[in-house]
Amino acid sequence: MIKKLLLGLRFRLAVHKANRQARRYGRKYLVINVGGSLVTFSKQELTLLVRRGYFHRGITAANIEAHALHVALPRPSSR
């Protein structure tokens, strides 16, 4: 039961971080599970990591985005 509470708390914190960064930097941010921990990446960072071979061969940024736990979109600019 405590594990579930901690996982829920970590997920909420990761989602909050992704939403805050998406608003601040105007990029799409993803919350994904890497090695048992929740990590937030911008889509731009993710494509760079895929190109450098951080993930298994054949995995694309689109695949990771489709399986992401949360996708934080930036607000449209009011310019």
Protein backbone atom coordinates (compact mmCIF):
# COMPACT_ATOMS: atom_id res chain seq x y z
CA MET A 1 0.00 0.00 0.00
CA ILE A 2 2.81 2.41 0.84
CA LYS A 3 4.53 1.57 -2.45
CA LYS A 4 1.39 2.56 -4.35
CA LEU A 5 1.16 5.84 -2.46
CA LEU A 6 4.80 6.66 -3.17
CA LEU A 7 4.41 5.77 -6.84
CA GLY A 8 1.34 8.00 -7.08
CA LEU A 9 3.20 10.84 -5.40
CA ARG A 10 6.20 10.47 -7.71
CA PHE A 11 3.88 10.40 -10.73
CA ARG A 12 2.07 13.57 -9.61
CA LEU A 13 5.39 15.35 -9.04
CA ALA A 14 6.71 14.27 -12.45
CA VAL A 15 3.51 15.46 -14.17
CA HIS A 16 3.69 18.77 -12.31
CA LYS A 17 7.32 19.21 -13.35
CA ALA A 18 6.53 18.40 -16.99
CA ASN A 19 3.59 20.83 -17.09
CA ARG A 20 5.63 23.59 -15.48
CA GLN A 21 8.53 23.14 -17.90
CA ALA A 22 6.20 23.00 -20.92
CA ARG A 23 4.66 26.33 -19.90
CA ARG A 24 8.02 27.91 -19.19
CA TYR A 25 10.02 26.75 -22.21
CA GLY A 26 7.27 26.31 -24.81
CA ARG A 27 8.22 22.71 -25.64
CA LYS A 28 6.42 19.40 -25.44
CA TYR A 29 7.49 17.40 -22.38
CA LEU A 30 6.97 13.67 -21.77
CA VAL A 31 6.93 11.65 -18.55
CA ILE A 32 8.33 8.18 -19.20
CA ASN A 33 9.47 5.26 -17.08
CA VAL A 34 13.21 4.64 -17.48
CA GLY A 35 14.74 1.88 -15.40
CA GLY A 36 11.97 1.97 -12.81
CA SER A 37 12.03 5.73 -12.22
CA LEU A 38 9.87 8.44 -13.75
CA VAL A 39 11.81 10.89 -15.91
CA THR A 40 10.71 14.03 -17.76
CA PHE A 41 12.24 14.72 -21.16
CA SER A 42 11.47 17.38 -23.70
CA LYS A 43 10.63 15.96 -27.11
CA GLN A 44 13.76 17.67 -28.45
CA GLU A 45 15.97 15.96 -25.85
CA LEU A 46 14.24 12.67 -26.56
CA THR A 47 15.00 12.75 -30.29
CA LEU A 48 18.64 13.56 -29.48
CA LEU A 49 18.85 10.61 -27.06
CA VAL A 50 17.28 8.29 -29.65
CA ARG A 51 19.87 9.38 -32.22
CA ARG A 52 22.71 8.80 -29.75
CA GLY A 53 21.51 5.25 -29.00
CA TYR A 54 20.26 5.73 -25.44
CA PHE A 55 17.24 3.53 -26.19
CA HIS A 56 17.07 0.14 -27.94
CA ARG A 57 17.73 0.04 -31.65
CA GLY A 58 14.58 0.61 -33.73
CA ILE A 59 12.82 2.74 -31.10
CA THR A 60 11.75 6.16 -32.37
CA ALA A 61 10.69 9.29 -30.53
CA ALA A 62 7.16 8.77 -31.88
CA ASN A 63 7.02 5.28 -30.31
CA ILE A 64 8.14 6.65 -26.97
CA GLU A 65 5.63 9.49 -27.16
CA ALA A 66 2.83 7.02 -27.90
CA HIS A 67 3.71 5.01 -24.78
CA ALA A 68 4.49 7.97 -22.51
CA LEU A 69 2.71 8.12 -19.17
CA HIS A 70 1.95 11.84 -19.63
CA VAL A 71 2.42 14.36 -22.45
CA ALA A 72 2.57 18.03 -21.43
CA LEU A 73 1.81 20.42 -24.26
CA PRO A 74 2.89 24.07 -24.18
CA ARG A 75 0.28 26.78 -24.15
CA PRO A 76 -0.27 28.50 -27.48
CA SER A 77 1.47 31.86 -27.52
CA SER A 78 -0.69 34.97 -27.45
CA ARG A 79 1.52 36.92 -29.85
